[in-house]
Amino acid sequence: MNTDHTAQPRLTRQRQLILDRLEQVDEFLTAQQLHAALRGEGEAIGLATVYRGLQWLEEAGIIDTIDLISAGAEFVWNIIKR
């Protein structure tokens, strides 16, 4: 039994789907746009799962977030290009 509570969260299937989709575009997407694209591809993924996945990817330093709330939009995400 693994009782190591310091283990890093893993890149789940849903997080990988989100990352794969973001790698396919050269623009920033809102969570809603990303969710709609994934659902349009036949993926059974909820909007809350997309938000949590994006948050995890951002905290891991994999994607960037831009706050456009003052412009009437939501957060938008894209892959960090290195």
PDB file of N, CA and C in Angstrom:
ATOM      1  N   MET A   1       0.844  -1.185   0.000  1.00  0.00           N
ATOM      2  CA  MET A   1       0.000   0.000   0.000  1.00  0.00           C
ATOM      3  C   MET A   1       0.883   1.240   0.000  1.00  0.00           C
ATOM      4  N   ASN A   2       0.627   2.147  -0.895  1.00  0.00           N
ATOM      5  CA  ASN A   2       1.402   3.374  -0.996  1.00  0.00           C
ATOM      6  C   ASN A   2       0.808   4.429  -0.067  1.00  0.00           C
ATOM      7  N   THR A   3       1.554   4.779   0.958  1.00  0.00           N
ATOM      8  CA  THR A   3       1.086   5.795   1.897  1.00  0.00           C
ATOM      9  C   THR A   3       1.860   7.088   1.761  1.00  0.00           C
ATOM     10  N   ASP A   4       2.571   7.255   0.662  1.00  0.00           N
ATOM     11  CA  ASP A   4       3.350   8.466   0.422  1.00  0.00           C
ATOM     12  C   ASP A   4       2.409   9.591   0.023  1.00  0.00           C
ATOM     13  N   HIS A   5       2.143  10.486   0.965  1.00  0.00           N
ATOM     14  CA  HIS A   5       1.222  11.590   0.700  1.00  0.00           C
ATOM     15  C   HIS A   5       1.894  12.761   0.007  1.00  0.00           C
ATOM     16  N   THR A   6       3.187  12.635  -0.298  1.00  0.00           N
ATOM     17  CA  THR A   6       3.900  13.704  -0.988  1.00  0.00           C
ATOM     18  C   THR A   6       3.974  13.447  -2.493  1.00  0.00           C
ATOM     19  N   ALA A   7       3.416  12.341  -2.938  1.00  0.00           N
ATOM     20  CA  ALA A   7       3.448  12.014  -4.363  1.00  0.00           C
ATOM     21  C   ALA A   7       2.739  13.096  -5.167  1.00  0.00           C
ATOM     22  N   GLN A   8       3.306  13.417  -6.304  1.00  0.00           N
ATOM     23  CA  GLN A   8       2.724  14.432  -7.178  1.00  0.00           C
ATOM     24  C   GLN A   8       1.484  13.883  -7.874  1.00  0.00           C
ATOM     25  N   PRO A   9       0.460  14.718  -8.051  1.00  0.00           N
ATOM     26  CA  PRO A   9      -0.695  14.273  -8.834  1.00  0.00           C
ATOM     27  C   PRO A   9      -0.250  13.909 -10.249  1.00  0.00           C
ATOM     28  N   ARG A  10      -0.903  12.963 -10.808  1.00  0.00           N
ATOM     29  CA  ARG A  10      -0.485  12.482 -12.122  1.00  0.00           C
ATOM     30  C   ARG A  10      -1.244  13.170 -13.249  1.00  0.00           C
ATOM     31  N   LEU A  11      -0.704  13.018 -14.428  1.00  0.00           N
ATOM     32  CA  LEU A  11      -1.351  13.531 -15.630  1.00  0.00           C
ATOM     33  C   LEU A  11      -2.418  12.519 -16.026  1.00  0.00           C
ATOM     34  N   THR A  12      -3.653  12.789 -15.633  1.00  0.00           N
ATOM     35  CA  THR A  12      -4.765  11.867 -15.891  1.00  0.00           C
ATOM     36  C   THR A  12      -5.152  11.890 -17.367  1.00  0.00           C
ATOM     37  N   ARG A  13      -6.011  10.976 -17.754  1.00  0.00           N
ATOM     38  CA  ARG A  13      -6.502  10.923 -19.132  1.00  0.00           C
ATOM     39  C   ARG A  13      -7.167  12.241 -19.512  1.00  0.00           C
ATOM     40  N   GLN A  14      -7.995  12.785 -18.610  1.00  0.00           N
ATOM     41  CA  GLN A  14      -8.688  14.038 -18.897  1.00  0.00           C
ATOM     42  C   GLN A  14      -7.706  15.192 -19.052  1.00  0.00           C
ATOM     43  N   ARG A  15      -6.711  15.252 -18.185  1.00  0.00           N
ATOM     44  CA  ARG A  15      -5.704  16.308 -18.297  1.00  0.00           C
ATOM     45  C   ARG A  15      -4.931  16.172 -19.600  1.00  0.00           C
ATOM     46  N   GLN A  16      -4.640  14.932 -19.988  1.00  0.00           N
ATOM     47  CA  GLN A  16      -3.936  14.709 -21.246  1.00  0.00           C
ATOM     48  C   GLN A  16      -4.788  15.143 -22.435  1.00  0.00           C
ATOM     49  N   LEU A  17      -6.100  14.876 -22.390  1.00  0.00           N
ATOM     50  CA  LEU A  17      -7.003  15.327 -23.453  1.00  0.00           C
ATOM     51  C   LEU A  17      -6.954  16.844 -23.592  1.00  0.00           C
ATOM     52  N   ILE A  18      -7.008  17.529 -22.457  1.00  0.00           N
ATOM     53  CA  ILE A  18      -6.969  18.989 -22.453  1.00  0.00           C
ATOM     54  C   ILE A  18      -5.651  19.468 -23.049  1.00  0.00           C
ATOM     55  N   LEU A  19      -4.560  18.897 -22.600  1.00  0.00           N
ATOM     56  CA  LEU A  19      -3.242  19.284 -23.092  1.00  0.00           C
ATOM     57  C   LEU A  19      -3.099  19.020 -24.580  1.00  0.00           C
ATOM     58  N   ASP A  20      -3.552  17.859 -25.023  1.00  0.00           N
ATOM     59  CA  ASP A  20      -3.478  17.516 -26.446  1.00  0.00           C
ATOM     60  C   ASP A  20      -4.255  18.524 -27.293  1.00  0.00           C
ATOM     61  N   ARG A  21      -5.438  18.894 -26.829  1.00  0.00           N
ATOM     62  CA  ARG A  21      -6.264  19.848 -27.587  1.00  0.00           C
ATOM     63  C   ARG A  21      -5.608  21.217 -27.645  1.00  0.00           C
ATOM     64  N   LEU A  22      -5.034  21.665 -26.528  1.00  0.00           N
ATOM     65  CA  LEU A  22      -4.360  22.959 -26.506  1.00  0.00           C
ATOM     66  C   LEU A  22      -3.143  22.971 -27.424  1.00  0.00           C
ATOM     67  N   GLU A  23      -2.473  21.838 -27.546  1.00  0.00           N
ATOM     68  CA  GLU A  23      -1.301  21.754 -28.426  1.00  0.00           C
ATOM     69  C   GLU A  23      -1.689  21.852 -29.897  1.00  0.00           C
ATOM     70  N   GLN A  24      -2.950  21.648 -30.212  1.00  0.00           N
ATOM     71  CA  GLN A  24      -3.412  21.682 -31.598  1.00  0.00           C
ATOM     72  C   GLN A  24      -3.763  23.084 -32.082  1.00  0.00           C
ATOM     73  N   VAL A  25      -3.813  24.051 -31.172  1.00  0.00           N
ATOM     74  CA  VAL A  25      -4.218  25.405 -31.555  1.00  0.00           C
ATOM     75  C   VAL A  25      -3.111  26.404 -31.249  1.00  0.00           C
ATOM     76  N   ASP A  26      -3.117  27.514 -31.974  1.00  0.00           N
ATOM     77  CA  ASP A  26      -2.141  28.572 -31.761  1.00  0.00           C
ATOM     78  C   ASP A  26      -2.787  29.812 -31.171  1.00  0.00           C
ATOM     79  N   GLU A  27      -3.889  29.622 -30.479  1.00  0.00           N
ATOM     80  CA  GLU A  27      -4.589  30.743 -29.884  1.00  0.00           C
ATOM     81  C   GLU A  27      -5.006  30.383 -28.473  1.00  0.00           C
ATOM     82  N   PHE A  28      -5.345  31.392 -27.704  1.00  0.00           N
ATOM     83  CA  PHE A  28      -5.851  31.150 -26.361  1.00  0.00           C
ATOM     84  C   PHE A  28      -7.310  30.734 -26.445  1.00  0.00           C
ATOM     85  N   LEU A  29      -7.702  29.808 -25.582  1.00  0.00           N
ATOM     86  CA  LEU A  29      -9.076  29.317 -25.535  1.00  0.00           C
ATOM     87  C   LEU A  29      -9.637  29.513 -24.142  1.00  0.00           C
ATOM     88  N   THR A  30     -10.930  29.806 -24.068  1.00  0.00           N
ATOM     89  CA  THR A  30     -11.585  29.799 -22.765  1.00  0.00           C
ATOM     90  C   THR A  30     -11.882  28.352 -22.395  1.00  0.00           C
ATOM     91  N   ALA A  31     -12.166  28.125 -21.134  1.00  0.00           N
ATOM     92  CA  ALA A  31     -12.531  26.780 -20.693  1.00  0.00           C
ATOM     93  C   ALA A  31     -13.776  26.301 -21.429  1.00  0.00           C
ATOM     94  N   GLN A  32     -14.715  27.215 -21.656  1.00  0.00           N
ATOM     95  CA  GLN A  32     -15.942  26.840 -22.362  1.00  0.00           C
ATOM     96  C   GLN A  32     -15.650  26.429 -23.802  1.00  0.00           C
ATOM     97  N   GLN A  33     -14.753  27.159 -24.476  1.00  0.00           N
ATOM     98  CA  GLN A  33     -14.395  26.805 -25.850  1.00  0.00           C
ATOM     99  C   GLN A  33     -13.701  25.452 -25.892  1.00  0.00           C
ATOM    100  N   LEU A  34     -12.809  25.234 -24.949  1.00  0.00           N
ATOM    101  CA  LEU A  34     -12.089  23.975 -24.875  1.00  0.00           C
ATOM    102  C   LEU A  34     -13.052  22.822 -24.592  1.00  0.00           C
ATOM    103  N   HIS A  35     -13.970  23.034 -23.662  1.00  0.00           N
ATOM    104  CA  HIS A  35     -14.974  22.029 -23.326  1.00  0.00           C
ATOM    105  C   HIS A  35     -15.824  21.691 -24.552  1.00  0.00           C
ATOM    106  N   ALA A  36     -16.284  22.709 -25.255  1.00  0.00           N
ATOM    107  CA  ALA A  36     -17.103  22.487 -26.452  1.00  0.00           C
ATOM    108  C   ALA A  36     -16.324  21.715 -27.513  1.00  0.00           C
ATOM    109  N   ALA A  37     -15.049  22.038 -27.692  1.00  0.00           N
ATOM    110  CA  ALA A  37     -14.226  21.340 -28.686  1.00  0.00           C
ATOM    111  C   ALA A  37     -14.065  19.874 -28.318  1.00  0.00           C
ATOM    112  N   LEU A  38     -13.788  19.601 -27.052  1.00  0.00           N
ATOM    113  CA  LEU A  38     -13.626  18.211 -26.618  1.00  0.00           C
ATOM    114  C   LEU A  38     -14.930  17.432 -26.740  1.00  0.00           C
ATOM    115  N   ARG A  39     -16.028  18.057 -26.353  1.00  0.00           N
ATOM    116  CA  ARG A  39     -17.337  17.389 -26.481  1.00  0.00           C
ATOM    117  C   ARG A  39     -17.667  17.151 -27.954  1.00  0.00           C
ATOM    118  N   GLY A  40     -17.307  18.116 -28.804  1.00  0.00           N
ATOM    119  CA  GLY A  40     -17.524  17.967 -30.235  1.00  0.00           C
ATOM    120  C   GLY A  40     -16.721  16.834 -30.847  1.00  0.00           C
ATOM    121  N   GLU A  41     -15.630  16.467 -30.189  1.00  0.00           N
ATOM    122  CA  GLU A  41     -14.809  15.341 -30.638  1.00  0.00           C
ATOM    123  C   GLU A  41     -15.287  14.022 -30.031  1.00  0.00           C
ATOM    124  N   GLY A  42     -16.410  14.085 -29.285  1.00  0.00           N
ATOM    125  CA  GLY A  42     -16.990  12.873 -28.720  1.00  0.00           C
ATOM    126  C   GLY A  42     -16.495  12.511 -27.337  1.00  0.00           C
ATOM    127  N   GLU A  43     -15.738  13.397 -26.713  1.00  0.00           N
ATOM    128  CA  GLU A  43     -15.229  13.108 -25.366  1.00  0.00           C
ATOM    129  C   GLU A  43     -16.300  13.412 -24.322  1.00  0.00           C
ATOM    130  N   ALA A  44     -16.471  12.514 -23.397  1.00  0.00           N
ATOM    131  CA  ALA A  44     -17.418  12.706 -22.303  1.00  0.00           C
ATOM    132  C   ALA A  44     -16.660  13.341 -21.145  1.00  0.00           C
ATOM    133  N   ILE A  45     -16.592  14.668 -21.162  1.00  0.00           N
ATOM    134  CA  ILE A  45     -15.842  15.404 -20.149  1.00  0.00           C
ATOM    135  C   ILE A  45     -16.694  16.583 -19.697  1.00  0.00           C
ATOM    136  N   GLY A  46     -16.759  16.801 -18.412  1.00  0.00           N
ATOM    137  CA  GLY A  46     -17.563  17.882 -17.873  1.00  0.00           C
ATOM    138  C   GLY A  46     -16.799  19.198 -17.824  1.00  0.00           C
ATOM    139  N   LEU A  47     -17.525  20.286 -17.797  1.00  0.00           N
ATOM    140  CA  LEU A  47     -16.911  21.608 -17.741  1.00  0.00           C
ATOM    141  C   LEU A  47     -16.095  21.768 -16.457  1.00  0.00           C
ATOM    142  N   ALA A  48     -16.589  21.269 -15.336  1.00  0.00           N
ATOM    143  CA  ALA A  48     -15.839  21.363 -14.081  1.00  0.00           C
ATOM    144  C   ALA A  48     -14.519  20.602 -14.181  1.00  0.00           C
ATOM    145  N   THR A  49     -14.528  19.474 -14.865  1.00  0.00           N
ATOM    146  CA  THR A  49     -13.301  18.695 -15.058  1.00  0.00           C
ATOM    147  C   THR A  49     -12.310  19.473 -15.908  1.00  0.00           C
ATOM    148  N   VAL A  50     -12.808  20.175 -16.912  1.00  0.00           N
ATOM    149  CA  VAL A  50     -11.941  21.012 -17.751  1.00  0.00           C
ATOM    150  C   VAL A  50     -11.303  22.109 -16.900  1.00  0.00           C
ATOM    151  N   TYR A  51     -12.099  22.800 -16.090  1.00  0.00           N
ATOM    152  CA  TYR A  51     -11.556  23.847 -15.218  1.00  0.00           C
ATOM    153  C   TYR A  51     -10.499  23.286 -14.265  1.00  0.00           C
ATOM    154  N   ARG A  52     -10.782  22.154 -13.631  1.00  0.00           N
ATOM    155  CA  ARG A  52      -9.820  21.559 -12.698  1.00  0.00           C
ATOM    156  C   ARG A  52      -8.553  21.118 -13.419  1.00  0.00           C
ATOM    157  N   GLY A  53      -8.724  20.558 -14.596  1.00  0.00           N
ATOM    158  CA  GLY A  53      -7.565  20.135 -15.384  1.00  0.00           C
ATOM    159  C   GLY A  53      -6.703  21.308 -15.795  1.00  0.00           C
ATOM    160  N   LEU A  54      -7.338  22.386 -16.214  1.00  0.00           N
ATOM    161  CA  LEU A  54      -6.593  23.581 -16.598  1.00  0.00           C
ATOM    162  C   LEU A  54      -5.852  24.162 -15.397  1.00  0.00           C
ATOM    163  N   GLN A  55      -6.505  24.176 -14.260  1.00  0.00           N
ATOM    164  CA  GLN A  55      -5.865  24.691 -13.053  1.00  0.00           C
ATOM    165  C   GLN A  55      -4.642  23.847 -12.697  1.00  0.00           C
ATOM    166  N   TRP A  56      -4.770  22.534 -12.770  1.00  0.00           N
ATOM    167  CA  TRP A  56      -3.652  21.652 -12.462  1.00  0.00           C
ATOM    168  C   TRP A  56      -2.505  21.877 -13.443  1.00  0.00           C
ATOM    169  N   LEU A  57      -2.815  21.980 -14.740  1.00  0.00           N
ATOM    170  CA  LEU A  57      -1.788  22.195 -15.758  1.00  0.00           C
ATOM    171  C   LEU A  57      -1.085  23.529 -15.567  1.00  0.00           C
ATOM    172  N   GLU A  58      -1.836  24.543 -15.149  1.00  0.00           N
ATOM    173  CA  GLU A  58      -1.232  25.842 -14.879  1.00  0.00           C
ATOM    174  C   GLU A  58      -0.306  25.755 -13.664  1.00  0.00           C
ATOM    175  N   GLU A  59      -0.778  25.152 -12.597  1.00  0.00           N
ATOM    176  CA  GLU A  59       0.028  25.018 -11.381  1.00  0.00           C
ATOM    177  C   GLU A  59       1.291  24.198 -11.633  1.00  0.00           C
ATOM    178  N   ALA A  60       1.228  23.265 -12.579  1.00  0.00           N
ATOM    179  CA  ALA A  60       2.381  22.445 -12.939  1.00  0.00           C
ATOM    180  C   ALA A  60       3.337  23.197 -13.865  1.00  0.00           C
ATOM    181  N   GLY A  61       2.960  24.407 -14.301  1.00  0.00           N
ATOM    182  CA  GLY A  61       3.812  25.201 -15.174  1.00  0.00           C
ATOM    183  C   GLY A  61       3.777  24.779 -16.629  1.00  0.00           C
ATOM    184  N   ILE A  62       2.748  24.041 -17.014  1.00  0.00           N
ATOM    185  CA  ILE A  62       2.645  23.517 -18.375  1.00  0.00           C
ATOM    186  C   ILE A  62       1.912  24.488 -19.296  1.00  0.00           C
ATOM    187  N   ILE A  63       0.938  25.198 -18.758  1.00  0.00           N
ATOM    188  CA  ILE A  63       0.174  26.156 -19.563  1.00  0.00           C
ATOM    189  C   ILE A  63       0.187  27.519 -18.889  1.00  0.00           C
ATOM    190  N   ASP A  64      -0.153  28.528 -19.645  1.00  0.00           N
ATOM    191  CA  ASP A  64      -0.263  29.902 -19.166  1.00  0.00           C
ATOM    192  C   ASP A  64      -1.719  30.303 -19.057  1.00  0.00           C
ATOM    193  N   THR A  65      -1.992  31.215 -18.148  1.00  0.00           N
ATOM    194  CA  THR A  65      -3.326  31.779 -17.986  1.00  0.00           C
ATOM    195  C   THR A  65      -3.264  33.283 -18.202  1.00  0.00           C
ATOM    196  N   ILE A  66      -4.240  33.793 -18.893  1.00  0.00           N
ATOM    197  CA  ILE A  66      -4.402  35.237 -19.028  1.00  0.00           C
ATOM    198  C   ILE A  66      -5.780  35.581 -18.487  1.00  0.00           C
ATOM    199  N   ASP A  67      -5.827  36.549 -17.599  1.00  0.00           N
ATOM    200  CA  ASP A  67      -7.082  36.980 -16.982  1.00  0.00           C
ATOM    201  C   ASP A  67      -7.671  38.114 -17.809  1.00  0.00           C
ATOM    202  N   LEU A  68      -8.782  37.841 -18.461  1.00  0.00           N
ATOM    203  CA  LEU A  68      -9.454  38.855 -19.275  1.00  0.00           C
ATOM    204  C   LEU A  68     -10.804  39.236 -18.695  1.00  0.00           C
ATOM    205  N   ILE A  69     -10.994  38.966 -17.414  1.00  0.00           N
ATOM    206  CA  ILE A  69     -12.289  39.236 -16.798  1.00  0.00           C
ATOM    207  C   ILE A  69     -12.652  40.710 -16.914  1.00  0.00           C
ATOM    208  N   SER A  70     -11.675  41.580 -16.779  1.00  0.00           N
ATOM    209  CA  SER A  70     -11.963  43.016 -16.889  1.00  0.00           C
ATOM    210  C   SER A  70     -12.448  43.389 -18.284  1.00  0.00           C
ATOM    211  N   ALA A  71     -12.131  42.550 -19.267  1.00  0.00           N
ATOM    212  CA  ALA A  71     -12.587  42.792 -20.639  1.00  0.00           C
ATOM    213  C   ALA A  71     -13.894  42.055 -20.920  1.00  0.00           C
ATOM    214  N   GLY A  72     -14.499  41.488 -19.888  1.00  0.00           N
ATOM    215  CA  GLY A  72     -15.777  40.807 -20.063  1.00  0.00           C
ATOM    216  C   GLY A  72     -15.658  39.356 -20.448  1.00  0.00           C
ATOM    217  N   ALA A  73     -14.466  38.813 -20.426  1.00  0.00           N
ATOM    218  CA  ALA A  73     -14.264  37.410 -20.781  1.00  0.00           C
ATOM    219  C   ALA A  73     -13.845  36.633 -19.533  1.00  0.00           C
ATOM    220  N   GLU A  74     -13.610  35.371 -19.706  1.00  0.00           N
ATOM    221  CA  GLU A  74     -13.158  34.516 -18.615  1.00  0.00           C
ATOM    222  C   GLU A  74     -11.652  34.329 -18.749  1.00  0.00           C
ATOM    223  N   PHE A  75     -11.103  33.438 -17.931  1.00  0.00           N
ATOM    224  CA  PHE A  75      -9.709  33.084 -18.075  1.00  0.00           C
ATOM    225  C   PHE A  75      -9.521  32.366 -19.404  1.00  0.00           C
ATOM    226  N   VAL A  76      -8.370  32.526 -19.997  1.00  0.00           N
ATOM    227  CA  VAL A  76      -8.039  31.813 -21.227  1.00  0.00           C
ATOM    228  C   VAL A  76      -6.700  31.120 -21.034  1.00  0.00           C
ATOM    229  N   TRP A  77      -6.524  30.020 -21.732  1.00  0.00           N
ATOM    230  CA  TRP A  77      -5.341  29.212 -21.546  1.00  0.00           C
ATOM    231  C   TRP A  77      -4.692  28.888 -22.876  1.00  0.00           C
ATOM    232  N   ASN A  78      -3.383  28.647 -22.819  1.00  0.00           N
ATOM    233  CA  ASN A  78      -2.637  28.136 -23.951  1.00  0.00           C
ATOM    234  C   ASN A  78      -1.369  27.485 -23.430  1.00  0.00           C
ATOM    235  N   ILE A  79      -0.777  26.678 -24.262  1.00  0.00           N
ATOM    236  CA  ILE A  79       0.463  26.000 -23.918  1.00  0.00           C
ATOM    237  C   ILE A  79       1.577  27.027 -23.794  1.00  0.00           C
ATOM    238  N   ILE A  80       2.457  26.834 -22.823  1.00  0.00           N
ATOM    239  CA  ILE A  80       3.649  27.668 -22.716  1.00  0.00           C
ATOM    240  C   ILE A  80       4.598  27.193 -23.811  1.00  0.00           C
ATOM    241  N   LYS A  81       4.948  28.065 -24.709  1.00  0.00           N
ATOM    242  CA  LYS A  81       5.857  27.720 -25.804  1.00  0.00           C
ATOM    243  C   LYS A  81       7.293  27.933 -25.323  1.00  0.00           C
ATOM    244  N   ARG A  82       8.053  26.853 -25.266  1.00  0.00           N
ATOM    245  CA  ARG A  82       9.450  26.950 -24.821  1.00  0.00           C
ATOM    246  C   ARG A  82      10.370  26.556 -25.918  1.00  0.00           C
TER     247      ARG A  82
END
